[in-house]
Amino acid sequence: MAHLTIYLTDDVERRVRKAAKAGKVSISKWIADRVTKSVETSWPPEFLALAGAFPDFPDASELRKGYGKDVPRESLD
């Protein structure tokens, strides 16, 4: 497991300590959990479990009905 040194302002350190204490975890675990969440590259399982949860939800073509014709897009050249 890697060990890192980070620099925090006094105010941020106080808030981190308070948050870790409120969460009943060590400061190291609290920071590691936050960093892990911020670098996640996939959707959380709770989100993925929602796929198909609404069987009567309209598909994209139904949602777009009544919007009219798209405006021509300008070239990126």
PDB file of N, CA and C in Angstrom:
ATOM      1  N   MET A   1       0.854  -1.173   0.000  1.00  0.00           N
ATOM      2  CA  MET A   1       0.000   0.000   0.000  1.00  0.00           C
ATOM      3  C   MET A   1       0.898   1.234   0.000  1.00  0.00           C
ATOM      4  N   ALA A   2       0.538   2.217  -0.786  1.00  0.00           N
ATOM      5  CA  ALA A   2       1.334   3.434  -0.903  1.00  0.00           C
ATOM      6  C   ALA A   2       1.082   4.366   0.278  1.00  0.00           C
ATOM      7  N   HIS A   3       2.100   5.149   0.597  1.00  0.00           N
ATOM      8  CA  HIS A   3       1.988   6.190   1.615  1.00  0.00           C
ATOM      9  C   HIS A   3       2.247   7.514   0.916  1.00  0.00           C
ATOM     10  N   LEU A   4       1.374   8.495   1.157  1.00  0.00           N
ATOM     11  CA  LEU A   4       1.512   9.802   0.533  1.00  0.00           C
ATOM     12  C   LEU A   4       1.568  10.879   1.600  1.00  0.00           C
ATOM     13  N   THR A   5       2.192  11.976   1.272  1.00  0.00           N
ATOM     14  CA  THR A   5       2.174  13.147   2.132  1.00  0.00           C
ATOM     15  C   THR A   5       1.353  14.209   1.421  1.00  0.00           C
ATOM     16  N   ILE A   6       0.410  14.786   2.134  1.00  0.00           N
ATOM     17  CA  ILE A   6      -0.395  15.863   1.543  1.00  0.00           C
ATOM     18  C   ILE A   6      -0.301  17.089   2.446  1.00  0.00           C
ATOM     19  N   TYR A   7      -0.497  18.231   1.862  1.00  0.00           N
ATOM     20  CA  TYR A   7      -0.460  19.477   2.605  1.00  0.00           C
ATOM     21  C   TYR A   7      -1.854  20.089   2.566  1.00  0.00           C
ATOM     22  N   LEU A   8      -2.371  20.418   3.743  1.00  0.00           N
ATOM     23  CA  LEU A   8      -3.695  21.020   3.869  1.00  0.00           C
ATOM     24  C   LEU A   8      -3.573  22.314   4.662  1.00  0.00           C
ATOM     25  N   THR A   9      -4.441  23.251   4.367  1.00  0.00           N
ATOM     26  CA  THR A   9      -4.490  24.446   5.208  1.00  0.00           C
ATOM     27  C   THR A   9      -4.997  24.020   6.586  1.00  0.00           C
ATOM     28  N   ASP A  10      -4.740  24.854   7.577  1.00  0.00           N
ATOM     29  CA  ASP A  10      -5.200  24.531   8.931  1.00  0.00           C
ATOM     30  C   ASP A  10      -6.713  24.356   8.979  1.00  0.00           C
ATOM     31  N   ASP A  11      -7.410  25.211   8.253  1.00  0.00           N
ATOM     32  CA  ASP A  11      -8.872  25.135   8.241  1.00  0.00           C
ATOM     33  C   ASP A  11      -9.356  23.816   7.632  1.00  0.00           C
ATOM     34  N   VAL A  12      -8.768  23.427   6.513  1.00  0.00           N
ATOM     35  CA  VAL A  12      -9.162  22.175   5.870  1.00  0.00           C
ATOM     36  C   VAL A  12      -8.828  20.992   6.781  1.00  0.00           C
ATOM     37  N   GLU A  13      -7.684  21.033   7.426  1.00  0.00           N
ATOM     38  CA  GLU A  13      -7.316  19.950   8.337  1.00  0.00           C
ATOM     39  C   GLU A  13      -8.347  19.811   9.457  1.00  0.00           C
ATOM     40  N   ARG A  14      -8.760  20.917  10.035  1.00  0.00           N
ATOM     41  CA  ARG A  14      -9.772  20.873  11.105  1.00  0.00           C
ATOM     42  C   ARG A  14     -11.066  20.248  10.600  1.00  0.00           C
ATOM     43  N   ARG A  15     -11.463  20.642   9.389  1.00  0.00           N
ATOM     44  CA  ARG A  15     -12.721  20.096   8.844  1.00  0.00           C
ATOM     45  C   ARG A  15     -12.596  18.616   8.524  1.00  0.00           C
ATOM     46  N   VAL A  16     -11.433  18.190   8.037  1.00  0.00           N
ATOM     47  CA  VAL A  16     -11.207  16.760   7.756  1.00  0.00           C
ATOM     48  C   VAL A  16     -11.266  15.968   9.053  1.00  0.00           C
ATOM     49  N   ARG A  17     -10.596  16.466  10.086  1.00  0.00           N
ATOM     50  CA  ARG A  17     -10.616  15.772  11.385  1.00  0.00           C
ATOM     51  C   ARG A  17     -12.041  15.645  11.911  1.00  0.00           C
ATOM     52  N   LYS A  18     -12.799  16.718  11.794  1.00  0.00           N
ATOM     53  CA  LYS A  18     -14.185  16.725  12.276  1.00  0.00           C
ATOM     54  C   LYS A  18     -15.031  15.725  11.481  1.00  0.00           C
ATOM     55  N   ALA A  19     -14.867  15.712  10.161  1.00  0.00           N
ATOM     56  CA  ALA A  19     -15.639  14.803   9.318  1.00  0.00           C
ATOM     57  C   ALA A  19     -15.276  13.345   9.593  1.00  0.00           C
ATOM     58  N   ALA A  20     -13.990  13.071   9.781  1.00  0.00           N
ATOM     59  CA  ALA A  20     -13.556  11.702  10.069  1.00  0.00           C
ATOM     60  C   ALA A  20     -14.111  11.246  11.417  1.00  0.00           C
ATOM     61  N   LYS A  21     -14.067  12.138  12.387  1.00  0.00           N
ATOM     62  CA  LYS A  21     -14.596  11.797  13.714  1.00  0.00           C
ATOM     63  C   LYS A  21     -16.094  11.533  13.634  1.00  0.00           C
ATOM     64  N   ALA A  22     -16.809  12.386  12.899  1.00  0.00           N
ATOM     65  CA  ALA A  22     -18.258  12.193  12.758  1.00  0.00           C
ATOM     66  C   ALA A  22     -18.579  10.875  12.050  1.00  0.00           C
ATOM     67  N   GLY A  23     -17.719  10.481  11.111  1.00  0.00           N
ATOM     68  CA  GLY A  23     -17.918   9.232  10.396  1.00  0.00           C
ATOM     69  C   GLY A  23     -17.352   8.018  11.127  1.00  0.00           C
ATOM     70  N   LYS A  24     -16.733   8.276  12.280  1.00  0.00           N
ATOM     71  CA  LYS A  24     -16.156   7.214  13.113  1.00  0.00           C
ATOM     72  C   LYS A  24     -15.128   6.382  12.354  1.00  0.00           C
ATOM     73  N   VAL A  25     -14.289   7.086  11.573  1.00  0.00           N
ATOM     74  CA  VAL A  25     -13.191   6.443  10.842  1.00  0.00           C
ATOM     75  C   VAL A  25     -11.925   7.252  11.074  1.00  0.00           C
ATOM     76  N   SER A  26     -10.800   6.642  10.771  1.00  0.00           N
ATOM     77  CA  SER A  26      -9.539   7.372  10.897  1.00  0.00           C
ATOM     78  C   SER A  26      -9.470   8.446   9.809  1.00  0.00           C
ATOM     79  N   ILE A  27      -8.618   9.413  10.046  1.00  0.00           N
ATOM     80  CA  ILE A  27      -8.416  10.467   9.047  1.00  0.00           C
ATOM     81  C   ILE A  27      -7.902   9.850   7.755  1.00  0.00           C
ATOM     82  N   SER A  28      -6.975   8.920   7.871  1.00  0.00           N
ATOM     83  CA  SER A  28      -6.421   8.264   6.688  1.00  0.00           C
ATOM     84  C   SER A  28      -7.516   7.558   5.886  1.00  0.00           C
ATOM     85  N   LYS A  29      -8.391   6.820   6.579  1.00  0.00           N
ATOM     86  CA  LYS A  29      -9.471   6.105   5.885  1.00  0.00           C
ATOM     87  C   LYS A  29     -10.438   7.102   5.250  1.00  0.00           C
ATOM     88  N   TRP A  30     -10.754   8.177   5.956  1.00  0.00           N
ATOM     89  CA  TRP A  30     -11.687   9.167   5.426  1.00  0.00           C
ATOM     90  C   TRP A  30     -11.144   9.776   4.137  1.00  0.00           C
ATOM     91  N   ILE A  31      -9.873  10.153   4.159  1.00  0.00           N
ATOM     92  CA  ILE A  31      -9.249  10.736   2.967  1.00  0.00           C
ATOM     93  C   ILE A  31      -9.163   9.702   1.850  1.00  0.00           C
ATOM     94  N   ALA A  32      -8.752   8.472   2.178  1.00  0.00           N
ATOM     95  CA  ALA A  32      -8.649   7.423   1.163  1.00  0.00           C
ATOM     96  C   ALA A  32     -10.001   7.147   0.508  1.00  0.00           C
ATOM     97  N   ASP A  33     -11.062   7.122   1.309  1.00  0.00           N
ATOM     98  CA  ASP A  33     -12.407   6.911   0.749  1.00  0.00           C
ATOM     99  C   ASP A  33     -12.792   8.032  -0.201  1.00  0.00           C
ATOM    100  N   ARG A  34     -12.505   9.270   0.181  1.00  0.00           N
ATOM    101  CA  ARG A  34     -12.825  10.413  -0.674  1.00  0.00           C
ATOM    102  C   ARG A  34     -12.040  10.380  -1.976  1.00  0.00           C
ATOM    103  N   VAL A  35     -10.765  10.070  -1.897  1.00  0.00           N
ATOM    104  CA  VAL A  35      -9.928  10.002  -3.102  1.00  0.00           C
ATOM    105  C   VAL A  35     -10.420   8.877  -3.999  1.00  0.00           C
ATOM    106  N   THR A  36     -10.713   7.725  -3.422  1.00  0.00           N
ATOM    107  CA  THR A  36     -11.203   6.582  -4.197  1.00  0.00           C
ATOM    108  C   THR A  36     -12.472   6.946  -4.954  1.00  0.00           C
ATOM    109  N   LYS A  37     -13.408   7.595  -4.283  1.00  0.00           N
ATOM    110  CA  LYS A  37     -14.658   7.987  -4.940  1.00  0.00           C
ATOM    111  C   LYS A  37     -14.407   8.983  -6.071  1.00  0.00           C
ATOM    112  N   SER A  38     -13.448   9.873  -5.883  1.00  0.00           N
ATOM    113  CA  SER A  38     -13.223  10.902  -6.905  1.00  0.00           C
ATOM    114  C   SER A  38     -12.515  10.374  -8.144  1.00  0.00           C
ATOM    115  N   VAL A  39     -11.860   9.221  -8.060  1.00  0.00           N
ATOM    116  CA  VAL A  39     -11.165   8.684  -9.227  1.00  0.00           C
ATOM    117  C   VAL A  39     -11.854   7.454  -9.818  1.00  0.00           C
ATOM    118  N   GLU A  40     -13.035   7.131  -9.319  1.00  0.00           N
ATOM    119  CA  GLU A  40     -13.782   5.991  -9.858  1.00  0.00           C
ATOM    120  C   GLU A  40     -14.036   6.208 -11.345  1.00  0.00           C
ATOM    121  N   THR A  41     -13.942   5.135 -12.116  1.00  0.00           N
ATOM    122  CA  THR A  41     -14.148   5.250 -13.559  1.00  0.00           C
ATOM    123  C   THR A  41     -15.389   4.498 -14.018  1.00  0.00           C
ATOM    124  N   SER A  42     -16.161   3.991 -13.098  1.00  0.00           N
ATOM    125  CA  SER A  42     -17.376   3.282 -13.496  1.00  0.00           C
ATOM    126  C   SER A  42     -18.550   3.788 -12.659  1.00  0.00           C
ATOM    127  N   TRP A  43     -19.732   3.474 -13.120  1.00  0.00           N
ATOM    128  CA  TRP A  43     -20.939   3.866 -12.412  1.00  0.00           C
ATOM    129  C   TRP A  43     -21.086   3.011 -11.162  1.00  0.00           C
ATOM    130  N   PRO A  44     -21.609   3.579 -10.091  1.00  0.00           N
ATOM    131  CA  PRO A  44     -21.823   2.782  -8.884  1.00  0.00           C
ATOM    132  C   PRO A  44     -22.847   1.673  -9.140  1.00  0.00           C
ATOM    133  N   PRO A  45     -22.740   0.537  -8.457  1.00  0.00           N
ATOM    134  CA  PRO A  45     -23.662  -0.573  -8.667  1.00  0.00           C
ATOM    135  C   PRO A  45     -25.126  -0.189  -8.453  1.00  0.00           C
ATOM    136  N   GLU A  46     -25.371   0.739  -7.531  1.00  0.00           N
ATOM    137  CA  GLU A  46     -26.750   1.172  -7.272  1.00  0.00           C
ATOM    138  C   GLU A  46     -27.351   1.839  -8.501  1.00  0.00           C
ATOM    139  N   PHE A  47     -26.523   2.583  -9.220  1.00  0.00           N
ATOM    140  CA  PHE A  47     -26.994   3.240 -10.438  1.00  0.00           C
ATOM    141  C   PHE A  47     -27.269   2.213 -11.531  1.00  0.00           C
ATOM    142  N   LEU A  48     -26.335   1.288 -11.709  1.00  0.00           N
ATOM    143  CA  LEU A  48     -26.493   0.266 -12.744  1.00  0.00           C
ATOM    144  C   LEU A  48     -27.702  -0.618 -12.479  1.00  0.00           C
ATOM    145  N   ALA A  49     -28.045  -0.833 -11.221  1.00  0.00           N
ATOM    146  CA  ALA A  49     -29.202  -1.659 -10.871  1.00  0.00           C
ATOM    147  C   ALA A  49     -30.507  -1.015 -11.332  1.00  0.00           C
ATOM    148  N   LEU A  50     -30.489   0.276 -11.585  1.00  0.00           N
ATOM    149  CA  LEU A  50     -31.696   0.976 -12.030  1.00  0.00           C
ATOM    150  C   LEU A  50     -32.012   0.755 -13.512  1.00  0.00           C
ATOM    151  N   ALA A  51     -31.041   0.262 -14.263  1.00  0.00           N
ATOM    152  CA  ALA A  51     -31.260   0.050 -15.700  1.00  0.00           C
ATOM    153  C   ALA A  51     -32.450  -0.885 -15.892  1.00  0.00           C
ATOM    154  N   GLY A  52     -33.421  -0.420 -16.657  1.00  0.00           N
ATOM    155  CA  GLY A  52     -34.608  -1.216 -16.933  1.00  0.00           C
ATOM    156  C   GLY A  52     -35.626  -1.199 -15.810  1.00  0.00           C
ATOM    157  N   ALA A  53     -35.403  -0.401 -14.783  1.00  0.00           N
ATOM    158  CA  ALA A  53     -36.312  -0.372 -13.636  1.00  0.00           C
ATOM    159  C   ALA A  53     -37.653   0.269 -13.972  1.00  0.00           C
ATOM    160  N   PHE A  54     -37.708   0.996 -15.065  1.00  0.00           N
ATOM    161  CA  PHE A  54     -38.945   1.651 -15.481  1.00  0.00           C
ATOM    162  C   PHE A  54     -39.350   1.099 -16.844  1.00  0.00           C
ATOM    163  N   PRO A  55     -40.061  -0.025 -16.870  1.00  0.00           N
ATOM    164  CA  PRO A  55     -40.374  -0.687 -18.144  1.00  0.00           C
ATOM    165  C   PRO A  55     -41.219   0.166 -19.091  1.00  0.00           C
ATOM    166  N   ASP A  56     -41.985   1.103 -18.571  1.00  0.00           N
ATOM    167  CA  ASP A  56     -42.832   1.924 -19.429  1.00  0.00           C
ATOM    168  C   ASP A  56     -42.171   3.245 -19.813  1.00  0.00           C
ATOM    169  N   PHE A  57     -40.897   3.425 -19.481  1.00  0.00           N
ATOM    170  CA  PHE A  57     -40.194   4.656 -19.820  1.00  0.00           C
ATOM    171  C   PHE A  57     -40.019   4.736 -21.335  1.00  0.00           C
ATOM    172  N   PRO A  58     -40.375   5.861 -21.941  1.00  0.00           N
ATOM    173  CA  PRO A  58     -40.295   5.977 -23.403  1.00  0.00           C
ATOM    174  C   PRO A  58     -38.850   5.955 -23.909  1.00  0.00           C
ATOM    175  N   ASP A  59     -38.683   5.462 -25.137  1.00  0.00           N
ATOM    176  CA  ASP A  59     -37.339   5.459 -25.715  1.00  0.00           C
ATOM    177  C   ASP A  59     -37.035   6.843 -26.296  1.00  0.00           C
ATOM    178  N   ALA A  60     -35.821   7.028 -26.790  1.00  0.00           N
ATOM    179  CA  ALA A  60     -35.359   8.339 -27.244  1.00  0.00           C
ATOM    180  C   ALA A  60     -36.235   8.918 -28.347  1.00  0.00           C
ATOM    181  N   SER A  61     -36.664   8.086 -29.307  1.00  0.00           N
ATOM    182  CA  SER A  61     -37.485   8.611 -30.406  1.00  0.00           C
ATOM    183  C   SER A  61     -38.828   9.126 -29.892  1.00  0.00           C
ATOM    184  N   GLU A  62     -39.390   8.467 -28.917  1.00  0.00           N
ATOM    185  CA  GLU A  62     -40.660   8.942 -28.344  1.00  0.00           C
ATOM    186  C   GLU A  62     -40.459  10.258 -27.594  1.00  0.00           C
ATOM    187  N   LEU A  63     -39.353  10.361 -26.888  1.00  0.00           N
ATOM    188  CA  LEU A  63     -39.079  11.587 -26.146  1.00  0.00           C
ATOM    189  C   LEU A  63     -38.879  12.780 -27.071  1.00  0.00           C
ATOM    190  N   ARG A  64     -38.351  12.527 -28.269  1.00  0.00           N
ATOM    191  CA  ARG A  64     -38.051  13.614 -29.200  1.00  0.00           C
ATOM    192  C   ARG A  64     -39.252  14.025 -30.051  1.00  0.00           C
ATOM    193  N   LYS A  65     -40.326  13.267 -30.021  1.00  0.00           N
ATOM    194  CA  LYS A  65     -41.513  13.620 -30.812  1.00  0.00           C
ATOM    195  C   LYS A  65     -42.013  14.994 -30.407  1.00  0.00           C
ATOM    196  N   GLY A  66     -42.431  15.767 -31.388  1.00  0.00           N
ATOM    197  CA  GLY A  66     -42.990  17.076 -31.106  1.00  0.00           C
ATOM    198  C   GLY A  66     -41.958  18.189 -30.953  1.00  0.00           C
ATOM    199  N   TYR A  67     -40.679  17.866 -31.010  1.00  0.00           N
ATOM    200  CA  TYR A  67     -39.659  18.899 -30.901  1.00  0.00           C
ATOM    201  C   TYR A  67     -39.396  19.594 -32.224  1.00  0.00           C
ATOM    202  N   GLY A  68     -39.904  19.030 -33.309  1.00  0.00           N
ATOM    203  CA  GLY A  68     -39.652  19.611 -34.609  1.00  0.00           C
ATOM    204  C   GLY A  68     -38.325  19.147 -35.173  1.00  0.00           C
ATOM    205  N   LYS A  69     -37.965  19.734 -36.316  1.00  0.00           N
ATOM    206  CA  LYS A  69     -36.753  19.341 -37.015  1.00  0.00           C
ATOM    207  C   LYS A  69     -35.542  20.041 -36.397  1.00  0.00           C
ATOM    208  N   ASP A  70     -34.417  19.318 -36.322  1.00  0.00           N
ATOM    209  CA  ASP A  70     -33.181  19.902 -35.801  1.00  0.00           C
ATOM    210  C   ASP A  70     -32.683  21.018 -36.711  1.00  0.00           C
ATOM    211  N   VAL A  71     -32.037  21.992 -36.122  1.00  0.00           N
ATOM    212  CA  VAL A  71     -31.398  23.065 -36.863  1.00  0.00           C
ATOM    213  C   VAL A  71     -30.110  22.517 -37.443  1.00  0.00           C
ATOM    214  N   PRO A  72     -29.775  22.868 -38.704  1.00  0.00           N
ATOM    215  CA  PRO A  72     -28.506  22.383 -39.260  1.00  0.00           C
ATOM    216  C   PRO A  72     -27.325  22.827 -38.394  1.00  0.00           C
ATOM    217  N   ARG A  73     -26.394  21.940 -38.219  1.00  0.00           N
ATOM    218  CA  ARG A  73     -25.217  22.254 -37.408  1.00  0.00           C
ATOM    219  C   ARG A  73     -24.150  22.930 -38.265  1.00  0.00           C
ATOM    220  N   GLU A  74     -23.399  23.820 -37.662  1.00  0.00           N
ATOM    221  CA  GLU A  74     -22.331  24.465 -38.403  1.00  0.00           C
ATOM    222  C   GLU A  74     -21.112  23.544 -38.460  1.00  0.00           C
ATOM    223  N   SER A  75     -20.317  23.716 -39.486  1.00  0.00           N
ATOM    224  CA  SER A  75     -19.145  22.892 -39.685  1.00  0.00           C
ATOM    225  C   SER A  75     -18.068  23.226 -38.662  1.00  0.00           C
ATOM    226  N   LEU A  76     -17.300  22.217 -38.266  1.00  0.00           N
ATOM    227  CA  LEU A  76     -16.195  22.433 -37.326  1.00  0.00           C
ATOM    228  C   LEU A  76     -14.891  22.750 -38.053  1.00  0.00           C
ATOM    229  N   ASP A  77     -14.925  22.817 -39.380  1.00  0.00           N
ATOM    230  CA  ASP A  77     -13.703  23.113 -40.145  1.00  0.00           C
ATOM    231  C   ASP A  77     -13.280  24.545 -39.996  1.00  0.00           C
TER     232      ASP A  77
END
